[in-house]
mmCIF file of all heavy atoms, coordinates in Angstrom:
data_MODEL
# 
_entry.id   MODEL 
# 
loop_
_atom_site.group_PDB 
_atom_site.id 
_atom_site.type_symbol 
_atom_site.label_atom_id 
_atom_site.label_alt_id 
_atom_site.label_comp_id 
_atom_site.label_asym_id 
_atom_site.label_entity_id 
_atom_site.label_seq_id 
_atom_site.pdbx_PDB_ins_code 
_atom_site.Cartn_x 
_atom_site.Cartn_y 
_atom_site.Cartn_z 
_atom_site.occupancy 
_atom_site.B_iso_or_equiv 
_atom_site.pdbx_formal_charge 
_atom_site.auth_seq_id 
_atom_site.auth_comp_id 
_atom_site.auth_asym_id 
_atom_site.auth_atom_id 
_atom_site.pdbx_PDB_model_num 
ATOM 1   N N   . PRO A 1 1  ? 0.801  -1.234  0.000   1.00 0.00 ? 1  PRO A N   1 
ATOM 2   C CA  . PRO A 1 1  ? 0.000  0.000   0.000   1.00 0.00 ? 1  PRO A CA  1 
ATOM 3   C C   . PRO A 1 1  ? 0.833  1.283   0.000   1.00 0.00 ? 1  PRO A C   1 
ATOM 4   O O   . PRO A 1 1  ? 0.316  2.351   -0.355  1.00 0.00 ? 1  PRO A O   1 
ATOM 5   C CB  . PRO A 1 1  ? -0.828 -0.123  1.284   1.00 0.00 ? 1  PRO A CB  1 
ATOM 6   C CG  . PRO A 1 1  ? -0.942 -1.592  1.509   1.00 0.00 ? 1  PRO A CG  1 
ATOM 7   C CD  . PRO A 1 1  ? 0.393  -2.150  1.094   1.00 0.00 ? 1  PRO A CD  1 
ATOM 8   N N   . LEU A 1 2  ? 2.106  1.187   0.383   1.00 0.00 ? 2  LEU A N   1 
ATOM 9   C CA  . LEU A 1 2  ? 2.974  2.364   0.432   1.00 0.00 ? 2  LEU A CA  1 
ATOM 10  C C   . LEU A 1 2  ? 3.834  2.521   -0.825  1.00 0.00 ? 2  LEU A C   1 
ATOM 11  O O   . LEU A 1 2  ? 4.497  3.540   -0.996  1.00 0.00 ? 2  LEU A O   1 
ATOM 12  C CB  . LEU A 1 2  ? 3.903  2.284   1.643   1.00 0.00 ? 2  LEU A CB  1 
ATOM 13  C CG  . LEU A 1 2  ? 3.263  2.070   3.019   1.00 0.00 ? 2  LEU A CG  1 
ATOM 14  C CD1 . LEU A 1 2  ? 4.346  2.000   4.082   1.00 0.00 ? 2  LEU A CD1 1 
ATOM 15  C CD2 . LEU A 1 2  ? 2.265  3.171   3.331   1.00 0.00 ? 2  LEU A CD2 1 
ATOM 16  N N   . VAL A 1 3  ? 3.843  1.512   -1.687  1.00 0.00 ? 3  VAL A N   1 
ATOM 17  C CA  . VAL A 1 3  ? 4.810  1.456   -2.793  1.00 0.00 ? 3  VAL A CA  1 
ATOM 18  C C   . VAL A 1 3  ? 4.432  2.422   -3.911  1.00 0.00 ? 3  VAL A C   1 
ATOM 19  O O   . VAL A 1 3  ? 3.301  2.432   -4.397  1.00 0.00 ? 3  VAL A O   1 
ATOM 20  C CB  . VAL A 1 3  ? 4.908  0.020   -3.341  1.00 0.00 ? 3  VAL A CB  1 
ATOM 21  C CG1 . VAL A 1 3  ? 5.748  -0.024  -4.614  1.00 0.00 ? 3  VAL A CG1 1 
ATOM 22  C CG2 . VAL A 1 3  ? 5.523  -0.898  -2.280  1.00 0.00 ? 3  VAL A CG2 1 
ATOM 23  N N   . GLY A 1 4  ? 5.425  3.218   -4.333  1.00 0.00 ? 4  GLY A N   1 
ATOM 24  C CA  . GLY A 1 4  ? 5.240  4.136   -5.448  1.00 0.00 ? 4  GLY A CA  1 
ATOM 25  C C   . GLY A 1 4  ? 6.060  3.789   -6.667  1.00 0.00 ? 4  GLY A C   1 
ATOM 26  O O   . GLY A 1 4  ? 5.817  4.316   -7.752  1.00 0.00 ? 4  GLY A O   1 
ATOM 27  N N   . HIS A 1 5  ? 7.055  2.923   -6.503  1.00 0.00 ? 5  HIS A N   1 
ATOM 28  C CA  . HIS A 1 5  ? 7.899  2.520   -7.628  1.00 0.00 ? 5  HIS A CA  1 
ATOM 29  C C   . HIS A 1 5  ? 8.619  1.242   -7.228  1.00 0.00 ? 5  HIS A C   1 
ATOM 30  O O   . HIS A 1 5  ? 8.907  1.019   -6.048  1.00 0.00 ? 5  HIS A O   1 
ATOM 31  C CB  . HIS A 1 5  ? 8.921  3.613   -7.962  1.00 0.00 ? 5  HIS A CB  1 
ATOM 32  C CG  . HIS A 1 5  ? 9.729  3.358   -9.203  1.00 0.00 ? 5  HIS A CG  1 
ATOM 33  N ND1 . HIS A 1 5  ? 9.156  3.189   -10.435 1.00 0.00 ? 5  HIS A ND1 1 
ATOM 34  C CD2 . HIS A 1 5  ? 11.073 3.240   -9.396  1.00 0.00 ? 5  HIS A CD2 1 
ATOM 35  C CE1 . HIS A 1 5  ? 10.108 2.998   -11.345 1.00 0.00 ? 5  HIS A CE1 1 
ATOM 36  N NE2 . HIS A 1 5  ? 11.275 3.010   -10.738 1.00 0.00 ? 5  HIS A NE2 1 
ATOM 37  N N   . VAL A 1 6  ? 8.898  0.403   -8.226  1.00 0.00 ? 6  VAL A N   1 
ATOM 38  C CA  . VAL A 1 6  ? 9.562  -0.881  -8.008  1.00 0.00 ? 6  VAL A CA  1 
ATOM 39  C C   . VAL A 1 6  ? 10.814 -0.942  -8.862  1.00 0.00 ? 6  VAL A C   1 
ATOM 40  O O   . VAL A 1 6  ? 10.825 -0.445  -10.007 1.00 0.00 ? 6  VAL A O   1 
ATOM 41  C CB  . VAL A 1 6  ? 8.619  -2.050  -8.364  1.00 0.00 ? 6  VAL A CB  1 
ATOM 42  C CG1 . VAL A 1 6  ? 9.347  -3.390  -8.316  1.00 0.00 ? 6  VAL A CG1 1 
ATOM 43  C CG2 . VAL A 1 6  ? 7.406  -2.076  -7.426  1.00 0.00 ? 6  VAL A CG2 1 
ATOM 44  N N   . GLN A 1 7  ? 11.880 -1.526  -8.321  1.00 0.00 ? 7  GLN A N   1 
ATOM 45  C CA  . GLN A 1 7  ? 13.113 -1.753  -9.081  1.00 0.00 ? 7  GLN A CA  1 
ATOM 46  C C   . GLN A 1 7  ? 13.579 -3.189  -8.868  1.00 0.00 ? 7  GLN A C   1 
ATOM 47  O O   . GLN A 1 7  ? 13.247 -3.822  -7.875  1.00 0.00 ? 7  GLN A O   1 
ATOM 48  C CB  . GLN A 1 7  ? 14.209 -0.764  -8.661  1.00 0.00 ? 7  GLN A CB  1 
ATOM 49  C CG  . GLN A 1 7  ? 13.907 0.673   -9.073  1.00 0.00 ? 7  GLN A CG  1 
ATOM 50  C CD  . GLN A 1 7  ? 14.950 1.643   -8.572  1.00 0.00 ? 7  GLN A CD  1 
ATOM 51  O OE1 . GLN A 1 7  ? 15.411 1.553   -7.440  1.00 0.00 ? 7  GLN A OE1 1 
ATOM 52  N NE2 . GLN A 1 7  ? 15.309 2.600   -9.402  1.00 0.00 ? 7  GLN A NE2 1 
ATOM 53  N N   . ILE A 1 8  ? 14.397 -3.658  -9.811  1.00 0.00 ? 8  ILE A N   1 
ATOM 54  C CA  . ILE A 1 8  ? 14.812 -5.059  -9.792  1.00 0.00 ? 8  ILE A CA  1 
ATOM 55  C C   . ILE A 1 8  ? 16.286 -5.209  -10.143 1.00 0.00 ? 8  ILE A C   1 
ATOM 56  O O   . ILE A 1 8  ? 16.872 -4.368  -10.828 1.00 0.00 ? 8  ILE A O   1 
ATOM 57  C CB  . ILE A 1 8  ? 13.983 -5.911  -10.772 1.00 0.00 ? 8  ILE A CB  1 
ATOM 58  C CG1 . ILE A 1 8  ? 14.141 -5.390  -12.220 1.00 0.00 ? 8  ILE A CG1 1 
ATOM 59  C CG2 . ILE A 1 8  ? 12.521 -5.954  -10.354 1.00 0.00 ? 8  ILE A CG2 1 
ATOM 60  C CD1 . ILE A 1 8  ? 13.504 -6.279  -13.280 1.00 0.00 ? 8  ILE A CD1 1 
ATOM 61  N N   . ALA A 1 9  ? 16.872 -6.298  -9.661  1.00 0.00 ? 9  ALA A N   1 
ATOM 62  C CA  . ALA A 1 9  ? 18.186 -6.802  -10.061 1.00 0.00 ? 9  ALA A CA  1 
ATOM 63  C C   . ALA A 1 9  ? 18.391 -8.128  -9.349  1.00 0.00 ? 9  ALA A C   1 
ATOM 64  O O   . ALA A 1 9  ? 17.865 -8.346  -8.249  1.00 0.00 ? 9  ALA A O   1 
ATOM 65  C CB  . ALA A 1 9  ? 19.316 -5.827  -9.698  1.00 0.00 ? 9  ALA A CB  1 
ATOM 66  N N   . ARG A 1 10 ? 19.137 -9.007  -9.949  1.00 0.00 ? 10 ARG A N   1 
ATOM 67  C CA  . ARG A 1 10 ? 19.503 -10.265 -9.302  1.00 0.00 ? 10 ARG A CA  1 
ATOM 68  C C   . ARG A 1 10 ? 20.369 -9.970  -8.083  1.00 0.00 ? 10 ARG A C   1 
ATOM 69  O O   . ARG A 1 10 ? 21.233 -9.085  -8.109  1.00 0.00 ? 10 ARG A O   1 
ATOM 70  C CB  . ARG A 1 10 ? 20.267 -11.134 -10.297 1.00 0.00 ? 10 ARG A CB  1 
ATOM 71  C CG  . ARG A 1 10 ? 20.565 -12.551 -9.808  1.00 0.00 ? 10 ARG A CG  1 
ATOM 72  C CD  . ARG A 1 10 ? 21.619 -13.250 -10.660 1.00 0.00 ? 10 ARG A CD  1 
ATOM 73  N NE  . ARG A 1 10 ? 21.493 -12.958 -12.072 1.00 0.00 ? 10 ARG A NE  1 
ATOM 74  C CZ  . ARG A 1 10 ? 22.468 -13.157 -12.959 1.00 0.00 ? 10 ARG A CZ  1 
ATOM 75  N NH1 . ARG A 1 10 ? 23.642 -13.644 -12.567 1.00 0.00 ? 10 ARG A NH1 1 
ATOM 76  N NH2 . ARG A 1 10 ? 22.287 -12.869 -14.227 1.00 0.00 ? 10 ARG A NH2 1 
ATOM 77  N N   . ALA A 1 11 ? 20.176 -10.695 -7.006  1.00 0.00 ? 11 ALA A N   1 
ATOM 78  C CA  . ALA A 1 11 ? 20.950 -10.457 -5.795  1.00 0.00 ? 11 ALA A CA  1 
ATOM 79  C C   . ALA A 1 11 ? 22.437 -10.716 -6.009  1.00 0.00 ? 11 ALA A C   1 
ATOM 80  O O   . ALA A 1 11 ? 23.284 -9.945  -5.541  1.00 0.00 ? 11 ALA A O   1 
ATOM 81  C CB  . ALA A 1 11 ? 20.425 -11.318 -4.652  1.00 0.00 ? 11 ALA A CB  1 
ATOM 82  N N   . ALA A 1 12 ? 22.761 -11.785 -6.717  1.00 0.00 ? 12 ALA A N   1 
ATOM 83  C CA  . ALA A 1 12 ? 24.169 -12.124 -6.969  1.00 0.00 ? 12 ALA A CA  1 
ATOM 84  C C   . ALA A 1 12 ? 24.724 -11.246 -8.082  1.00 0.00 ? 12 ALA A C   1 
ATOM 85  O O   . ALA A 1 12 ? 24.373 -11.407 -9.249  1.00 0.00 ? 12 ALA A O   1 
ATOM 86  C CB  . ALA A 1 12 ? 24.287 -13.594 -7.351  1.00 0.00 ? 12 ALA A CB  1 
ATOM 87  N N   . GLY A 1 13 ? 25.553 -10.287 -7.707  1.00 0.00 ? 13 GLY A N   1 
ATOM 88  C CA  . GLY A 1 13 ? 26.232 -9.456  -8.689  1.00 0.00 ? 13 GLY A CA  1 
ATOM 89  C C   . GLY A 1 13 ? 25.446 -8.282  -9.217  1.00 0.00 ? 13 GLY A C   1 
ATOM 90  O O   . GLY A 1 13 ? 25.962 -7.498  -10.011 1.00 0.00 ? 13 GLY A O   1 
ATOM 91  N N   . ARG A 1 14 ? 24.204 -8.133  -8.807  1.00 0.00 ? 14 ARG A N   1 
ATOM 92  C CA  . ARG A 1 14 ? 23.319 -7.063  -9.289  1.00 0.00 ? 14 ARG A CA  1 
ATOM 93  C C   . ARG A 1 14 ? 23.194 -7.102  -10.828 1.00 0.00 ? 14 ARG A C   1 
ATOM 94  O O   . ARG A 1 14 ? 23.243 -6.081  -11.505 1.00 0.00 ? 14 ARG A O   1 
ATOM 95  C CB  . ARG A 1 14 ? 23.801 -5.688  -8.825  1.00 0.00 ? 14 ARG A CB  1 
ATOM 96  C CG  . ARG A 1 14 ? 22.687 -4.644  -8.833  1.00 0.00 ? 14 ARG A CG  1 
ATOM 97  C CD  . ARG A 1 14 ? 23.088 -3.348  -8.156  1.00 0.00 ? 14 ARG A CD  1 
ATOM 98  N NE  . ARG A 1 14 ? 21.940 -2.474  -8.008  1.00 0.00 ? 14 ARG A NE  1 
ATOM 99  C CZ  . ARG A 1 14 ? 21.942 -1.324  -7.333  1.00 0.00 ? 14 ARG A CZ  1 
ATOM 100 N NH1 . ARG A 1 14 ? 23.048 -0.921  -6.738  1.00 0.00 ? 14 ARG A NH1 1 
ATOM 101 N NH2 . ARG A 1 14 ? 20.852 -0.597  -7.254  1.00 0.00 ? 14 ARG A NH2 1 
ATOM 102 N N   . HIS A 1 15 ? 22.999 -8.311  -11.339 1.00 0.00 ? 15 HIS A N   1 
ATOM 103 C CA  . HIS A 1 15 ? 22.892 -8.512  -12.787 1.00 0.00 ? 15 HIS A CA  1 
ATOM 104 C C   . HIS A 1 15 ? 21.430 -8.704  -13.198 1.00 0.00 ? 15 HIS A C   1 
ATOM 105 O O   . HIS A 1 15 ? 20.511 -8.398  -12.431 1.00 0.00 ? 15 HIS A O   1 
ATOM 106 C CB  . HIS A 1 15 ? 23.741 -9.707  -13.202 1.00 0.00 ? 15 HIS A CB  1 
ATOM 107 C CG  . HIS A 1 15 ? 25.205 -9.534  -12.946 1.00 0.00 ? 15 HIS A CG  1 
ATOM 108 N ND1 . HIS A 1 15 ? 25.897 -8.399  -13.287 1.00 0.00 ? 15 HIS A ND1 1 
ATOM 109 C CD2 . HIS A 1 15 ? 26.117 -10.368 -12.374 1.00 0.00 ? 15 HIS A CD2 1 
ATOM 110 C CE1 . HIS A 1 15 ? 27.169 -8.522  -12.945 1.00 0.00 ? 15 HIS A CE1 1 
ATOM 111 N NE2 . HIS A 1 15 ? 27.327 -9.713  -12.390 1.00 0.00 ? 15 HIS A NE2 1 
ATOM 112 N N   . GLU A 1 16 ? 21.232 -9.224  -14.409 1.00 0.00 ? 16 GLU A N   1 
ATOM 113 C CA  . GLU A 1 16 ? 19.909 -9.441  -14.966 1.00 0.00 ? 16 GLU A CA  1 
ATOM 114 C C   . GLU A 1 16 ? 19.035 -10.267 -14.025 1.00 0.00 ? 16 GLU A C   1 
ATOM 115 O O   . GLU A 1 16 ? 19.514 -11.203 -13.383 1.00 0.00 ? 16 GLU A O   1 
ATOM 116 C CB  . GLU A 1 16 ? 20.011 -10.157 -16.315 1.00 0.00 ? 16 GLU A CB  1 
ATOM 117 C CG  . GLU A 1 16 ? 20.548 -9.296  -17.447 1.00 0.00 ? 16 GLU A CG  1 
ATOM 118 C CD  . GLU A 1 16 ? 22.062 -9.259  -17.525 1.00 0.00 ? 16 GLU A CD  1 
ATOM 119 O OE1 . GLU A 1 16 ? 22.729 -9.739  -16.573 1.00 0.00 ? 16 GLU A OE1 1 
ATOM 120 O OE2 . GLU A 1 16 ? 22.594 -8.746  -18.517 1.00 0.00 ? 16 GLU A OE2 1 
ATOM 121 N N   . PRO A 1 17 ? 17.739 -9.945  -13.935 1.00 0.00 ? 17 PRO A N   1 
ATOM 122 C CA  . PRO A 1 17 ? 16.840 -10.690 -13.052 1.00 0.00 ? 17 PRO A CA  1 
ATOM 123 C C   . PRO A 1 17 ? 16.586 -12.098 -13.576 1.00 0.00 ? 17 PRO A C   1 
ATOM 124 O O   . PRO A 1 17 ? 16.467 -12.323 -14.780 1.00 0.00 ? 17 PRO A O   1 
ATOM 125 C CB  . PRO A 1 17 ? 15.550 -9.866  -13.098 1.00 0.00 ? 17 PRO A CB  1 
ATOM 126 C CG  . PRO A 1 17 ? 15.591 -9.174  -14.427 1.00 0.00 ? 17 PRO A CG  1 
ATOM 127 C CD  . PRO A 1 17 ? 17.042 -8.876  -14.674 1.00 0.00 ? 17 PRO A CD  1 
ATOM 128 N N   . ASP A 1 18 ? 16.512 -13.052 -12.657 1.00 0.00 ? 18 ASP A N   1 
ATOM 129 C CA  . ASP A 1 18 ? 16.168 -14.432 -12.995 1.00 0.00 ? 18 ASP A CA  1 
ATOM 130 C C   . ASP A 1 18 ? 15.504 -15.053 -11.773 1.00 0.00 ? 18 ASP A C   1 
ATOM 131 O O   . ASP A 1 18 ? 15.042 -14.350 -10.878 1.00 0.00 ? 18 ASP A O   1 
ATOM 132 C CB  . ASP A 1 18 ? 17.394 -15.221 -13.472 1.00 0.00 ? 18 ASP A CB  1 
ATOM 133 C CG  . ASP A 1 18 ? 18.516 -15.293 -12.439 1.00 0.00 ? 18 ASP A CG  1 
ATOM 134 O OD1 . ASP A 1 18 ? 18.245 -15.058 -11.234 1.00 0.00 ? 18 ASP A OD1 1 
ATOM 135 O OD2 . ASP A 1 18 ? 19.667 -15.585 -12.810 1.00 0.00 ? 18 ASP A OD2 1 
ATOM 136 N N   . ALA A 1 19 ? 15.453 -16.360 -11.715 1.00 0.00 ? 19 ALA A N   1 
ATOM 137 C CA  . ALA A 1 19 ? 14.785 -17.039 -10.600 1.00 0.00 ? 19 ALA A CA  1 
ATOM 138 C C   . ALA A 1 19 ? 15.735 -17.404 -9.467  1.00 0.00 ? 19 ALA A C   1 
ATOM 139 O O   . ALA A 1 19 ? 15.319 -18.015 -8.480  1.00 0.00 ? 19 ALA A O   1 
ATOM 140 C CB  . ALA A 1 19 ? 14.086 -18.299 -11.111 1.00 0.00 ? 19 ALA A CB  1 
ATOM 141 N N   . SER A 1 20 ? 17.005 -16.988 -9.557  1.00 0.00 ? 20 SER A N   1 
ATOM 142 C CA  . SER A 1 20 ? 18.006 -17.442 -8.590  1.00 0.00 ? 20 SER A CA  1 
ATOM 143 C C   . SER A 1 20 ? 17.906 -16.737 -7.253  1.00 0.00 ? 20 SER A C   1 
ATOM 144 O O   . SER A 1 20 ? 18.487 -17.171 -6.270  1.00 0.00 ? 20 SER A O   1 
ATOM 145 C CB  . SER A 1 20 ? 19.412 -17.254 -9.172  1.00 0.00 ? 20 SER A CB  1 
ATOM 146 O OG  . SER A 1 20 ? 19.711 -15.879 -9.329  1.00 0.00 ? 20 SER A OG  1 
ATOM 147 N N   . GLY A 1 21 ? 17.200 -15.652 -7.196  1.00 0.00 ? 21 GLY A N   1 
ATOM 148 C CA  . GLY A 1 21 ? 17.052 -14.907 -5.954  1.00 0.00 ? 21 GLY A CA  1 
ATOM 149 C C   . GLY A 1 21 ? 17.325 -13.421 -6.157  1.00 0.00 ? 21 GLY A C   1 
ATOM 150 O O   . GLY A 1 21 ? 18.432 -13.084 -6.520  1.00 0.00 ? 21 GLY A O   1 
ATOM 151 N N   . PRO A 1 22 ? 16.252 -12.621 -5.972  1.00 0.00 ? 22 PRO A N   1 
ATOM 152 C CA  . PRO A 1 22 ? 14.869 -13.039 -5.778  1.00 0.00 ? 22 PRO A CA  1 
ATOM 153 C C   . PRO A 1 22 ? 14.311 -13.796 -6.991  1.00 0.00 ? 22 PRO A C   1 
ATOM 154 O O   . PRO A 1 22 ? 14.857 -13.693 -8.087  1.00 0.00 ? 22 PRO A O   1 
ATOM 155 C CB  . PRO A 1 22 ? 14.124 -11.713 -5.596  1.00 0.00 ? 22 PRO A CB  1 
ATOM 156 C CG  . PRO A 1 22 ? 15.172 -10.690 -5.280  1.00 0.00 ? 22 PRO A CG  1 
ATOM 157 C CD  . PRO A 1 22 ? 16.409 -11.159 -5.968  1.00 0.00 ? 22 PRO A CD  1 
ATOM 158 N N   . ASP A 1 23 ? 13.193 -14.494 -6.777  1.00 0.00 ? 23 ASP A N   1 
ATOM 159 C CA  . ASP A 1 23 ? 12.559 -15.268 -7.841  1.00 0.00 ? 23 ASP A CA  1 
ATOM 160 C C   . ASP A 1 23 ? 11.677 -14.327 -8.656  1.00 0.00 ? 23 ASP A C   1 
ATOM 161 O O   . ASP A 1 23 ? 10.497 -14.133 -8.355  1.00 0.00 ? 23 ASP A O   1 
ATOM 162 C CB  . ASP A 1 23 ? 11.734 -16.404 -7.231  1.00 0.00 ? 23 ASP A CB  1 
ATOM 163 C CG  . ASP A 1 23 ? 11.124 -17.315 -8.277  1.00 0.00 ? 23 ASP A CG  1 
ATOM 164 O OD1 . ASP A 1 23 ? 11.077 -16.931 -9.458  1.00 0.00 ? 23 ASP A OD1 1 
ATOM 165 O OD2 . ASP A 1 23 ? 10.685 -18.416 -7.907  1.00 0.00 ? 23 ASP A OD2 1 
ATOM 166 N N   . TYR A 1 24 ? 12.259 -13.750 -9.717  1.00 0.00 ? 24 TYR A N   1 
ATOM 167 C CA  . TYR A 1 24 ? 11.538 -12.700 -10.440 1.00 0.00 ? 24 TYR A CA  1 
ATOM 168 C C   . TYR A 1 24 ? 10.328 -13.176 -11.220 1.00 0.00 ? 24 TYR A C   1 
ATOM 169 O O   . TYR A 1 24 ? 9.294  -12.472 -11.215 1.00 0.00 ? 24 TYR A O   1 
ATOM 170 C CB  . TYR A 1 24 ? 12.502 -11.904 -11.317 1.00 0.00 ? 24 TYR A CB  1 
ATOM 171 C CG  . TYR A 1 24 ? 13.270 -10.913 -10.472 1.00 0.00 ? 24 TYR A CG  1 
ATOM 172 C CD1 . TYR A 1 24 ? 14.609 -11.094 -10.177 1.00 0.00 ? 24 TYR A CD1 1 
ATOM 173 C CD2 . TYR A 1 24 ? 12.621 -9.826  -9.905  1.00 0.00 ? 24 TYR A CD2 1 
ATOM 174 C CE1 . TYR A 1 24 ? 15.295 -10.206 -9.361  1.00 0.00 ? 24 TYR A CE1 1 
ATOM 175 C CE2 . TYR A 1 24 ? 13.289 -8.928  -9.091  1.00 0.00 ? 24 TYR A CE2 1 
ATOM 176 C CZ  . TYR A 1 24 ? 14.630 -9.123  -8.826  1.00 0.00 ? 24 TYR A CZ  1 
ATOM 177 O OH  . TYR A 1 24 ? 15.288 -8.240  -8.005  1.00 0.00 ? 24 TYR A OH  1 
ATOM 178 N N   . PRO A 1 25 ? 10.342 -14.311 -11.892 1.00 0.00 ? 25 PRO A N   1 
ATOM 179 C CA  . PRO A 1 25 ? 9.089  -14.739 -12.532 1.00 0.00 ? 25 PRO A CA  1 
ATOM 180 C C   . PRO A 1 25 ? 7.923  -14.776 -11.545 1.00 0.00 ? 25 PRO A C   1 
ATOM 181 O O   . PRO A 1 25 ? 6.809  -14.343 -11.851 1.00 0.00 ? 25 PRO A O   1 
ATOM 182 C CB  . PRO A 1 25 ? 9.441  -16.120 -13.081 1.00 0.00 ? 25 PRO A CB  1 
ATOM 183 C CG  . PRO A 1 25 ? 10.911 -16.048 -13.348 1.00 0.00 ? 25 PRO A CG  1 
ATOM 184 C CD  . PRO A 1 25 ? 11.470 -15.222 -12.224 1.00 0.00 ? 25 PRO A CD  1 
ATOM 185 N N   . LYS A 1 26 ? 8.181  -15.285 -10.348 1.00 0.00 ? 26 LYS A N   1 
ATOM 186 C CA  . LYS A 1 26 ? 7.146  -15.321 -9.314  1.00 0.00 ? 26 LYS A CA  1 
ATOM 187 C C   . LYS A 1 26 ? 6.767  -13.907 -8.864  1.00 0.00 ? 26 LYS A C   1 
ATOM 188 O O   . LYS A 1 26 ? 5.579  -13.581 -8.714  1.00 0.00 ? 26 LYS A O   1 
ATOM 189 C CB  . LYS A 1 26 ? 7.639  -16.139 -8.122  1.00 0.00 ? 26 LYS A CB  1 
ATOM 190 C CG  . LYS A 1 26 ? 6.681  -16.170 -6.938  1.00 0.00 ? 26 LYS A CG  1 
ATOM 191 C CD  . LYS A 1 26 ? 7.300  -16.921 -5.754  1.00 0.00 ? 26 LYS A CD  1 
ATOM 192 C CE  . LYS A 1 26 ? 6.384  -16.850 -4.535  1.00 0.00 ? 26 LYS A CE  1 
ATOM 193 N NZ  . LYS A 1 26 ? 7.008  -17.498 -3.339  1.00 0.00 ? 26 LYS A NZ  1 
ATOM 194 N N   . LEU A 1 27 ? 7.751  -13.048 -8.676  1.00 0.00 ? 27 LEU A N   1 
ATOM 195 C CA  . LEU A 1 27 ? 7.480  -11.699 -8.189  1.00 0.00 ? 27 LEU A CA  1 
ATOM 196 C C   . LEU A 1 27 ? 6.744  -10.858 -9.223  1.00 0.00 ? 27 LEU A C   1 
ATOM 197 O O   . LEU A 1 27 ? 5.891  -10.042 -8.869  1.00 0.00 ? 27 LEU A O   1 
ATOM 198 C CB  . LEU A 1 27 ? 8.787  -11.023 -7.782  1.00 0.00 ? 27 LEU A CB  1 
ATOM 199 C CG  . LEU A 1 27 ? 9.380  -11.548 -6.469  1.00 0.00 ? 27 LEU A CG  1 
ATOM 200 C CD1 . LEU A 1 27 ? 10.835 -11.127 -6.336  1.00 0.00 ? 27 LEU A CD1 1 
ATOM 201 C CD2 . LEU A 1 27 ? 8.570  -11.047 -5.272  1.00 0.00 ? 27 LEU A CD2 1 
ATOM 202 N N   . PHE A 1 28 ? 7.027  -11.056 -10.501 1.00 0.00 ? 28 PHE A N   1 
ATOM 203 C CA  . PHE A 1 28 ? 6.296  -10.326 -11.535 1.00 0.00 ? 28 PHE A CA  1 
ATOM 204 C C   . PHE A 1 28 ? 4.815  -10.724 -11.502 1.00 0.00 ? 28 PHE A C   1 
ATOM 205 O O   . PHE A 1 28 ? 3.919  -9.878  -11.644 1.00 0.00 ? 28 PHE A O   1 
ATOM 206 C CB  . PHE A 1 28 ? 6.884  -10.598 -12.916 1.00 0.00 ? 28 PHE A CB  1 
ATOM 207 C CG  . PHE A 1 28 ? 8.278  -10.056 -13.109 1.00 0.00 ? 28 PHE A CG  1 
ATOM 208 C CD1 . PHE A 1 28 ? 9.113  -10.608 -14.072 1.00 0.00 ? 28 PHE A CD1 1 
ATOM 209 C CD2 . PHE A 1 28 ? 8.756  -9.007  -12.343 1.00 0.00 ? 28 PHE A CD2 1 
ATOM 210 C CE1 . PHE A 1 28 ? 10.399 -10.119 -14.257 1.00 0.00 ? 28 PHE A CE1 1 
ATOM 211 C CE2 . PHE A 1 28 ? 10.039 -8.505  -12.522 1.00 0.00 ? 28 PHE A CE2 1 
ATOM 212 C CZ  . PHE A 1 28 ? 10.866 -9.069  -13.489 1.00 0.00 ? 28 PHE A CZ  1 
ATOM 213 N N   . ALA A 1 29 ? 4.540  -12.006 -11.309 1.00 0.00 ? 29 ALA A N   1 
ATOM 214 C CA  . ALA A 1 29 ? 3.159  -12.473 -11.195 1.00 0.00 ? 29 ALA A CA  1 
ATOM 215 C C   . ALA A 1 29 ? 2.491  -11.877 -9.958  1.00 0.00 ? 29 ALA A C   1 
ATOM 216 O O   . ALA A 1 29 ? 1.300  -11.512 -9.984  1.00 0.00 ? 29 ALA A O   1 
ATOM 217 C CB  . ALA A 1 29 ? 3.111  -13.992 -11.149 1.00 0.00 ? 29 ALA A CB  1 
ATOM 218 N N   . GLU A 1 30 ? 3.256  -11.755 -8.872  1.00 0.00 ? 30 GLU A N   1 
ATOM 219 C CA  . GLU A 1 30 ? 2.698  -11.182 -7.649  1.00 0.00 ? 30 GLU A CA  1 
ATOM 220 C C   . GLU A 1 30 ? 2.389  -9.692  -7.820  1.00 0.00 ? 30 GLU A C   1 
ATOM 221 O O   . GLU A 1 30 ? 1.376  -9.197  -7.302  1.00 0.00 ? 30 GLU A O   1 
ATOM 222 C CB  . GLU A 1 30 ? 3.662  -11.407 -6.487  1.00 0.00 ? 30 GLU A CB  1 
ATOM 223 C CG  . GLU A 1 30 ? 3.740  -12.867 -6.057  1.00 0.00 ? 30 GLU A CG  1 
ATOM 224 C CD  . GLU A 1 30 ? 4.731  -13.108 -4.940  1.00 0.00 ? 30 GLU A CD  1 
ATOM 225 O OE1 . GLU A 1 30 ? 5.335  -12.132 -4.458  1.00 0.00 ? 30 GLU A OE1 1 
ATOM 226 O OE2 . GLU A 1 30 ? 4.907  -14.277 -4.549  1.00 0.00 ? 30 GLU A OE2 1 
# 
């Protein structure tokens, strides 16, 4: 309810998002 903007990056190395953590396919659905 407080969120005004969302950003993403893979936790390991701050690279492209994937399912390795965080699980981005799941989070996009959420």
